[in-house]
Amino acid sequence: MMHIRRNLVSAAIAIKVTGGRKNARRKVCIHETDNTKKGSGADNHARLQANGNNRQASWHWSVDDREAIQSFTHDYQCWAAGSTQGNNEAIHIEMCVNSDGDYVRTVQNTAALVAKILKDESLTINDVVQHNFYSGKNCPSKMRSTSAPIPWSSFLQMVKANMQPSPPNNIEKDDDTMKFTNETTKAAVRDYIKQSVDKKKIDKSWLDKFDQGTMTSGDFEGLKIIISQR
């Protein structure tokens, strides 16, 4: 389960890198950091803001494969969109793409966070936009790529899934890894993954992860969405 915490930027710093506390909060805007350096996860980017970013830039949330960290409350107009409209009306989320992180898990965590924000702010899935929507920038670049592990359309489906109560199934959670109540169900799930690999809908690493017993229930839910979109 993703850990959510705050490392809020002080008012003294916020006044230098935001438009103040008058954000209209009409949209949730998704970004990627484009920082692939090892160790450049959510904590690194949150501390950058808390310590005083030397750029005239700011964003509300940083998300990686382990946690989501809030740097500004949603009422702040953060400078992230590359346009006045985007800065004045959006809640900005930066997804980390550090090379030593798990990008798929980062996207899953971001989907869960976005679903929570939509509920908290009384917004809908139609209010989730890319950074590209405001400025034309190729961002989130990895998700916009034709070879994206999880394309934008699948990401939106993941957000929708997080907004719905989870239906009962034959999979139990044990420290977030998949545990089956019987071998028949386990074999059926493995066959489902193998068929998707054979059809080249997903990479073989997913089957390896299942066989090694390291696939989580969250991984599997996200994987089903990816497969359905391809």
C-alpha atoms as a PDB file:
ATOM      1  CA  MET A   1       0.000   0.000   0.000  1.00  0.00           C
ATOM      2  CA  MET A   2       1.276   3.445  -0.899  1.00  0.00           C
ATOM      3  CA  HIS A   3       2.386   5.692   1.954  1.00  0.00           C
ATOM      4  CA  ILE A   4       1.097   9.290   1.822  1.00  0.00           C
ATOM      5  CA  ARG A   5       2.793  11.997   3.842  1.00  0.00           C
ATOM      6  CA  ARG A   6       3.399  15.731   3.941  1.00  0.00           C
ATOM      7  CA  ASN A   7       6.578  17.765   3.752  1.00  0.00           C
ATOM      8  CA  LEU A   8       5.015  21.164   3.323  1.00  0.00           C
ATOM      9  CA  VAL A   9       7.029  24.076   2.016  1.00  0.00           C
ATOM     10  CA  SER A  10       7.231  27.044   4.386  1.00  0.00           C
ATOM     11  CA  ALA A  11       5.252  30.200   3.676  1.00  0.00           C
ATOM     12  CA  ALA A  12       8.529  32.113   3.292  1.00  0.00           C
ATOM     13  CA  ILE A  13       9.581  29.868   0.413  1.00  0.00           C
ATOM     14  CA  ALA A  14       6.084  29.429  -1.033  1.00  0.00           C
ATOM     15  CA  ILE A  15       5.654  33.147  -1.629  1.00  0.00           C
ATOM     16  CA  LYS A  16       8.677  33.044  -3.978  1.00  0.00           C
ATOM     17  CA  VAL A  17       7.574  30.087  -6.119  1.00  0.00           C
ATOM     18  CA  THR A  18       3.759  30.191  -6.246  1.00  0.00           C
ATOM     19  CA  GLY A  19       0.957  32.576  -7.142  1.00  0.00           C
ATOM     20  CA  GLY A  20      -0.436  32.470  -3.628  1.00  0.00           C
ATOM     21  CA  ARG A  21      -3.351  30.614  -2.071  1.00  0.00           C
ATOM     22  CA  LYS A  22      -6.066  31.169  -4.670  1.00  0.00           C
ATOM     23  CA  ASN A  23      -5.984  28.021  -6.796  1.00  0.00           C
ATOM     24  CA  ALA A  24      -9.350  27.309  -8.437  1.00  0.00           C
ATOM     25  CA  ARG A  25      -8.721  23.526  -8.180  1.00  0.00           C
ATOM     26  CA  ARG A  26     -10.622  22.618 -11.353  1.00  0.00           C
ATOM     27  CA  LYS A  27      -8.121  20.110 -12.765  1.00  0.00           C
ATOM     28  CA  VAL A  28      -5.540  17.520 -11.757  1.00  0.00           C
ATOM     29  CA  CYS A  29      -2.473  17.821 -13.981  1.00  0.00           C
ATOM     30  CA  ILE A  30      -0.062  14.907 -14.469  1.00  0.00           C
ATOM     31  CA  HIS A  31       3.655  15.443 -15.062  1.00  0.00           C
ATOM     32  CA  GLU A  32       6.809  13.330 -15.154  1.00  0.00           C
ATOM     33  CA  THR A  33      10.048  14.662 -13.682  1.00  0.00           C
ATOM     34  CA  ASP A  34      12.199  13.431 -16.614  1.00  0.00           C
ATOM     35  CA  ASN A  35      14.910  12.999 -13.955  1.00  0.00           C
ATOM     36  CA  THR A  36      16.250   9.458 -14.418  1.00  0.00           C
ATOM     37  CA  LYS A  37      19.158   9.861 -11.994  1.00  0.00           C
ATOM     38  CA  LYS A  38      19.330   7.104  -9.385  1.00  0.00           C
ATOM     39  CA  GLY A  39      17.842   8.163  -6.053  1.00  0.00           C
ATOM     40  CA  SER A  40      15.710  10.902  -7.612  1.00  0.00           C
ATOM     41  CA  GLY A  41      12.481   9.682  -6.078  1.00  0.00           C
ATOM     42  CA  ALA A  42       9.636  11.447  -4.310  1.00  0.00           C
ATOM     43  CA  ASP A  43      11.617  12.263  -1.169  1.00  0.00           C
ATOM     44  CA  ASN A  44      14.411  13.835  -3.203  1.00  0.00           C
ATOM     45  CA  HIS A  45      12.008  16.078  -5.128  1.00  0.00           C
ATOM     46  CA  ALA A  46       9.972  16.976  -2.048  1.00  0.00           C
ATOM     47  CA  ARG A  47      13.124  17.995  -0.146  1.00  0.00           C
ATOM     48  CA  LEU A  48      14.219  20.066  -3.143  1.00  0.00           C
ATOM     49  CA  GLN A  49      11.064  22.126  -2.749  1.00  0.00           C
ATOM     50  CA  ALA A  50      11.169  22.283   1.047  1.00  0.00           C
ATOM     51  CA  ASN A  51      14.769  23.500   1.001  1.00  0.00           C
ATOM     52  CA  GLY A  52      14.050  26.196  -1.582  1.00  0.00           C
ATOM     53  CA  ASN A  53      14.038  25.317  -5.269  1.00  0.00           C
ATOM     54  CA  ASN A  54      16.454  27.545  -7.184  1.00  0.00           C
ATOM     55  CA  ARG A  55      14.080  27.487 -10.170  1.00  0.00           C
ATOM     56  CA  GLN A  56      10.829  29.438 -10.373  1.00  0.00           C
ATOM     57  CA  ALA A  57       8.834  26.222 -10.272  1.00  0.00           C
ATOM     58  CA  SER A  58       6.631  24.324  -7.843  1.00  0.00           C
ATOM     59  CA  TRP A  59       4.188  21.412  -7.734  1.00  0.00           C
ATOM     60  CA  HIS A  60       1.806  19.969  -5.166  1.00  0.00           C
ATOM     61  CA  TRP A  61       2.767  16.278  -5.094  1.00  0.00           C
ATOM     62  CA  SER A  62       5.765  14.043  -5.846  1.00  0.00           C
ATOM     63  CA  VAL A  63       5.072  10.323  -6.361  1.00  0.00           C
ATOM     64  CA  ASP A  64       7.375   7.323  -6.746  1.00  0.00           C
ATOM     65  CA  ASP A  65       7.072   3.552  -6.345  1.00  0.00           C
ATOM     66  CA  ARG A  66       6.862   3.778  -2.556  1.00  0.00           C
ATOM     67  CA  GLU A  67       5.114   6.977  -1.533  1.00  0.00           C
ATOM     68  CA  ALA A  68       3.357  10.214  -2.392  1.00  0.00           C
ATOM     69  CA  ILE A  69       4.572  13.402  -0.704  1.00  0.00           C
ATOM     70  CA  GLN A  70       2.609  16.640  -0.584  1.00  0.00           C
ATOM     71  CA  SER A  71       4.658  19.839  -0.741  1.00  0.00           C
ATOM     72  CA  PHE A  72       1.831  22.389  -1.068  1.00  0.00           C
ATOM     73  CA  THR A  73      -1.807  22.337  -0.003  1.00  0.00           C
ATOM     74  CA  HIS A  74      -4.163  22.379  -2.966  1.00  0.00           C
ATOM     75  CA  ASP A  75      -5.144  26.019  -2.513  1.00  0.00           C
ATOM     76  CA  TYR A  76      -1.679  27.139  -3.672  1.00  0.00           C
ATOM     77  CA  GLN A  77      -1.261  28.180  -7.311  1.00  0.00           C
ATOM     78  CA  CYS A  78       1.866  26.191  -8.112  1.00  0.00           C
ATOM     79  CA  TRP A  79       4.008  27.157 -11.084  1.00  0.00           C
ATOM     80  CA  ALA A  80       4.167  23.931 -13.066  1.00  0.00           C
ATOM     81  CA  ALA A  81       1.865  24.179 -16.087  1.00  0.00           C
ATOM     82  CA  GLY A  82       3.802  26.511 -18.340  1.00  0.00           C
ATOM     83  CA  SER A  83       0.647  28.596 -18.712  1.00  0.00           C
ATOM     84  CA  THR A  84      -1.280  31.015 -16.530  1.00  0.00           C
ATOM     85  CA  GLN A  85      -4.479  29.002 -16.829  1.00  0.00           C
ATOM     86  CA  GLY A  86      -2.805  25.788 -15.719  1.00  0.00           C
ATOM     87  CA  ASN A  87      -1.031  27.452 -12.821  1.00  0.00           C
ATOM     88  CA  ASN A  88      -4.257  29.095 -11.669  1.00  0.00           C
ATOM     89  CA  GLU A  89      -6.595  26.107 -11.786  1.00  0.00           C
ATOM     90  CA  ALA A  90      -4.729  22.797 -11.468  1.00  0.00           C
ATOM     91  CA  ILE A  91      -3.384  20.501  -8.773  1.00  0.00           C
ATOM     92  CA  HIS A  92      -0.003  19.356 -10.079  1.00  0.00           C
ATOM     93  CA  ILE A  93       1.458  15.878  -9.601  1.00  0.00           C
ATOM     94  CA  GLU A  94       5.009  14.931 -10.587  1.00  0.00           C
ATOM     95  CA  MET A  95       5.663  11.237 -11.245  1.00  0.00           C
ATOM     96  CA  CYS A  96       9.263  10.187 -10.624  1.00  0.00           C
ATOM     97  CA  VAL A  97      11.102   8.271 -13.354  1.00  0.00           C
ATOM     98  CA  ASN A  98      14.396   7.548 -11.549  1.00  0.00           C
ATOM     99  CA  SER A  99      16.203   4.584 -13.112  1.00  0.00           C
ATOM    100  CA  ASP A 100      16.338   2.658  -9.827  1.00  0.00           C
ATOM    101  CA  GLY A 101      12.579   2.947  -9.283  1.00  0.00           C
ATOM    102  CA  ASP A 102       9.657   0.797 -10.447  1.00  0.00           C
ATOM    103  CA  TYR A 103       7.863   2.945 -13.030  1.00  0.00           C
ATOM    104  CA  VAL A 104       4.787   0.716 -13.237  1.00  0.00           C
ATOM    105  CA  ARG A 105       4.341   0.880  -9.466  1.00  0.00           C
ATOM    106  CA  THR A 106       4.814   4.661  -9.603  1.00  0.00           C
ATOM    107  CA  VAL A 107       1.975   4.910 -12.132  1.00  0.00           C
ATOM    108  CA  GLN A 108      -0.197   2.670  -9.954  1.00  0.00           C
ATOM    109  CA  ASN A 109       0.494   4.870  -6.936  1.00  0.00           C
ATOM    110  CA  THR A 110      -0.255   7.993  -8.949  1.00  0.00           C
ATOM    111  CA  ALA A 111      -3.570   6.535 -10.099  1.00  0.00           C
ATOM    112  CA  ALA A 112      -4.518   5.832  -6.483  1.00  0.00           C
ATOM    113  CA  LEU A 113      -3.535   9.354  -5.431  1.00  0.00           C
ATOM    114  CA  VAL A 114      -5.447  10.966  -8.297  1.00  0.00           C
ATOM    115  CA  ALA A 115      -8.561   8.970  -7.401  1.00  0.00           C
ATOM    116  CA  LYS A 116      -8.297  10.227  -3.822  1.00  0.00           C
ATOM    117  CA  ILE A 117      -7.844  13.836  -4.946  1.00  0.00           C
ATOM    118  CA  LEU A 118     -10.814  13.630  -7.321  1.00  0.00           C
ATOM    119  CA  LYS A 119     -12.996  12.435  -4.456  1.00  0.00           C
ATOM    120  CA  ASP A 120     -11.633  15.021  -2.005  1.00  0.00           C
ATOM    121  CA  GLU A 121     -12.058  17.905  -4.455  1.00  0.00           C
ATOM    122  CA  SER A 122     -15.393  16.719  -5.963  1.00  0.00           C
ATOM    123  CA  LEU A 123     -13.851  16.410  -9.429  1.00  0.00           C
ATOM    124  CA  THR A 124     -14.355  13.777 -12.145  1.00  0.00           C
ATOM    125  CA  ILE A 125     -12.140  11.683 -14.402  1.00  0.00           C
ATOM    126  CA  ASN A 126     -12.729  14.282 -17.130  1.00  0.00           C
ATOM    127  CA  ASP A 127     -10.795  16.759 -14.997  1.00  0.00           C
ATOM    128  CA  VAL A 128      -7.545  14.756 -15.203  1.00  0.00           C
ATOM    129  CA  VAL A 129      -5.190  16.238 -17.813  1.00  0.00           C
ATOM    130  CA  GLN A 130      -1.621  15.963 -19.020  1.00  0.00           C
ATOM    131  CA  HIS A 131       0.891  18.802 -18.678  1.00  0.00           C
ATOM    132  CA  ASN A 132       0.725  18.802 -22.478  1.00  0.00           C
ATOM    133  CA  PHE A 133      -2.890  20.016 -22.230  1.00  0.00           C
ATOM    134  CA  TYR A 134      -1.744  23.401 -20.920  1.00  0.00           C
ATOM    135  CA  SER A 135       1.572  24.053 -22.612  1.00  0.00           C
ATOM    136  CA  GLY A 136       1.993  21.633 -25.503  1.00  0.00           C
ATOM    137  CA  LYS A 137       5.087  20.194 -23.801  1.00  0.00           C
ATOM    138  CA  ASN A 138       5.697  16.473 -24.324  1.00  0.00           C
ATOM    139  CA  CYS A 139       4.861  15.674 -20.714  1.00  0.00           C
ATOM    140  CA  PRO A 140       4.327  13.167 -19.182  1.00  0.00           C
ATOM    141  CA  SER A 141       6.781  12.010 -21.875  1.00  0.00           C
ATOM    142  CA  LYS A 142       7.106   8.345 -20.928  1.00  0.00           C
ATOM    143  CA  MET A 143       3.354   7.852 -20.641  1.00  0.00           C
ATOM    144  CA  ARG A 144       2.813   9.682 -23.955  1.00  0.00           C
ATOM    145  CA  SER A 145       5.334   7.470 -25.773  1.00  0.00           C
ATOM    146  CA  THR A 146       4.083   4.871 -28.271  1.00  0.00           C
ATOM    147  CA  SER A 147       6.089   2.292 -26.291  1.00  0.00           C
ATOM    148  CA  ALA A 148       4.709   3.346 -22.910  1.00  0.00           C
ATOM    149  CA  PRO A 149       4.494   0.504 -20.342  1.00  0.00           C
ATOM    150  CA  ILE A 150       1.205   2.093 -19.283  1.00  0.00           C
ATOM    151  CA  PRO A 151      -0.274   4.519 -21.844  1.00  0.00           C
ATOM    152  CA  TRP A 152      -2.471   7.454 -20.884  1.00  0.00           C
ATOM    153  CA  SER A 153      -5.734   5.666 -21.678  1.00  0.00           C
ATOM    154  CA  SER A 154      -4.794   2.788 -19.375  1.00  0.00           C
ATOM    155  CA  PHE A 155      -3.769   5.214 -16.646  1.00  0.00           C
ATOM    156  CA  LEU A 156      -7.213   6.829 -16.729  1.00  0.00           C
ATOM    157  CA  GLN A 157      -8.798   3.386 -16.449  1.00  0.00           C
ATOM    158  CA  MET A 158      -6.629   2.735 -13.397  1.00  0.00           C
ATOM    159  CA  VAL A 159      -7.843   5.973 -11.817  1.00  0.00           C
ATOM    160  CA  LYS A 160     -11.449   4.947 -12.469  1.00  0.00           C
ATOM    161  CA  ALA A 161     -10.811   1.535 -10.934  1.00  0.00           C
ATOM    162  CA  ASN A 162      -9.405   3.175  -7.799  1.00  0.00           C
ATOM    163  CA  MET A 163     -12.575   5.230  -7.460  1.00  0.00           C
ATOM    164  CA  GLN A 164     -14.705   2.081  -7.269  1.00  0.00           C
ATOM    165  CA  PRO A 165     -14.992  -0.354  -4.349  1.00  0.00           C
ATOM    166  CA  SER A 166     -12.957  -3.504  -5.000  1.00  0.00           C
ATOM    167  CA  PRO A 167     -15.088  -6.560  -5.817  1.00  0.00           C
ATOM    168  CA  PRO A 168     -14.447  -9.772  -3.869  1.00  0.00           C
ATOM    169  CA  ASN A 169     -12.200 -12.333  -5.596  1.00  0.00           C
ATOM    170  CA  ASN A 170     -10.171 -15.460  -4.891  1.00  0.00           C
ATOM    171  CA  ILE A 171      -6.981 -13.566  -4.171  1.00  0.00           C
ATOM    172  CA  GLU A 172      -5.954 -12.601  -0.659  1.00  0.00           C
ATOM    173  CA  LYS A 173      -3.389  -9.988   0.255  1.00  0.00           C
ATOM    174  CA  ASP A 174      -0.345 -11.085   2.270  1.00  0.00           C
ATOM    175  CA  ASP A 175       2.047  -8.188   2.735  1.00  0.00           C
ATOM    176  CA  ASP A 176       0.646  -6.976  -0.613  1.00  0.00           C
ATOM    177  CA  THR A 177       1.828 -10.103  -2.477  1.00  0.00           C
ATOM    178  CA  MET A 178      -0.666 -12.388  -4.200  1.00  0.00           C
ATOM    179  CA  LYS A 179      -1.801 -15.409  -2.207  1.00  0.00           C
ATOM    180  CA  PHE A 180      -4.260 -17.888  -3.695  1.00  0.00           C
ATOM    181  CA  THR A 181      -6.897 -19.877  -1.854  1.00  0.00           C
ATOM    182  CA  ASN A 182      -6.548 -22.810  -4.269  1.00  0.00           C
ATOM    183  CA  GLU A 183      -4.253 -24.109  -7.016  1.00  0.00           C
ATOM    184  CA  THR A 184      -6.975 -23.986  -9.670  1.00  0.00           C
ATOM    185  CA  THR A 185      -7.265 -20.213  -9.364  1.00  0.00           C
ATOM    186  CA  LYS A 186      -3.484 -19.808  -9.351  1.00  0.00           C
ATOM    187  CA  ALA A 187      -3.143 -21.890 -12.516  1.00  0.00           C
ATOM    188  CA  ALA A 188      -5.896 -19.902 -14.233  1.00  0.00           C
ATOM    189  CA  VAL A 189      -4.217 -16.583 -13.422  1.00  0.00           C
ATOM    190  CA  ARG A 190      -0.842 -17.873 -14.636  1.00  0.00           C
ATOM    191  CA  ASP A 191      -2.409 -19.087 -17.871  1.00  0.00           C
ATOM    192  CA  TYR A 192      -4.050 -15.680 -18.359  1.00  0.00           C
ATOM    193  CA  ILE A 193      -0.682 -13.935 -17.982  1.00  0.00           C
ATOM    194  CA  LYS A 194       1.141 -16.470 -20.201  1.00  0.00           C
ATOM    195  CA  GLN A 195      -1.402 -16.088 -22.999  1.00  0.00           C
ATOM    196  CA  SER A 196      -0.953 -12.312 -22.870  1.00  0.00           C
ATOM    197  CA  VAL A 197       2.827 -12.780 -23.082  1.00  0.00           C
ATOM    198  CA  ASP A 198       2.459 -15.166 -26.039  1.00  0.00           C
ATOM    199  CA  LYS A 199       0.252 -12.622 -27.815  1.00  0.00           C
ATOM    200  CA  LYS A 200       2.945  -9.994 -27.096  1.00  0.00           C
ATOM    201  CA  LYS A 201       0.531  -7.811 -25.171  1.00  0.00           C
ATOM    202  CA  ILE A 202       2.905  -7.674 -22.203  1.00  0.00           C
ATOM    203  CA  ASP A 203       6.573  -8.377 -21.527  1.00  0.00           C
ATOM    204  CA  LYS A 204       7.695 -11.811 -20.259  1.00  0.00           C
ATOM    205  CA  SER A 205       9.021 -10.141 -17.103  1.00  0.00           C
ATOM    206  CA  TRP A 206       5.425 -10.109 -15.825  1.00  0.00           C
ATOM    207  CA  LEU A 207       5.248 -13.913 -16.024  1.00  0.00           C
ATOM    208  CA  ASP A 208       8.635 -14.169 -14.319  1.00  0.00           C
ATOM    209  CA  LYS A 209       7.380 -11.911 -11.543  1.00  0.00           C
ATOM    210  CA  PHE A 210       4.324 -14.126 -11.053  1.00  0.00           C
ATOM    211  CA  ASP A 211       6.414 -17.312 -10.970  1.00  0.00           C
ATOM    212  CA  GLN A 212       8.818 -15.769  -8.458  1.00  0.00           C
ATOM    213  CA  GLY A 213       5.921 -14.898  -6.171  1.00  0.00           C
ATOM    214  CA  THR A 214       6.724 -11.178  -6.147  1.00  0.00           C
ATOM    215  CA  MET A 215       3.670  -9.950  -8.057  1.00  0.00           C
ATOM    216  CA  THR A 216       1.329  -7.918  -5.864  1.00  0.00           C
ATOM    217  CA  SER A 217      -2.420  -7.665  -6.103  1.00  0.00           C
ATOM    218  CA  GLY A 218      -1.958  -4.041  -7.218  1.00  0.00           C
ATOM    219  CA  ASP A 219       0.422  -5.208  -9.968  1.00  0.00           C
ATOM    220  CA  PHE A 220      -2.178  -7.693 -11.203  1.00  0.00           C
ATOM    221  CA  GLU A 221      -5.028  -5.173 -11.203  1.00  0.00           C
ATOM    222  CA  GLY A 222      -2.910  -2.737 -13.202  1.00  0.00           C
ATOM    223  CA  LEU A 223      -1.770  -5.525 -15.530  1.00  0.00           C
ATOM    224  CA  LYS A 224      -5.365  -6.464 -16.351  1.00  0.00           C
ATOM    225  CA  ILE A 225      -6.060  -2.883 -17.386  1.00  0.00           C
ATOM    226  CA  ILE A 226      -2.941  -2.781 -19.577  1.00  0.00           C
ATOM    227  CA  ILE A 227      -3.917  -6.042 -21.301  1.00  0.00           C
ATOM    228  CA  SER A 228      -7.482  -4.864 -21.905  1.00  0.00           C
ATOM    229  CA  GLN A 229      -6.194  -1.722 -23.631  1.00  0.00           C
ATOM    230  CA  ARG A 230      -3.945  -3.606 -26.094  1.00  0.00           C
END
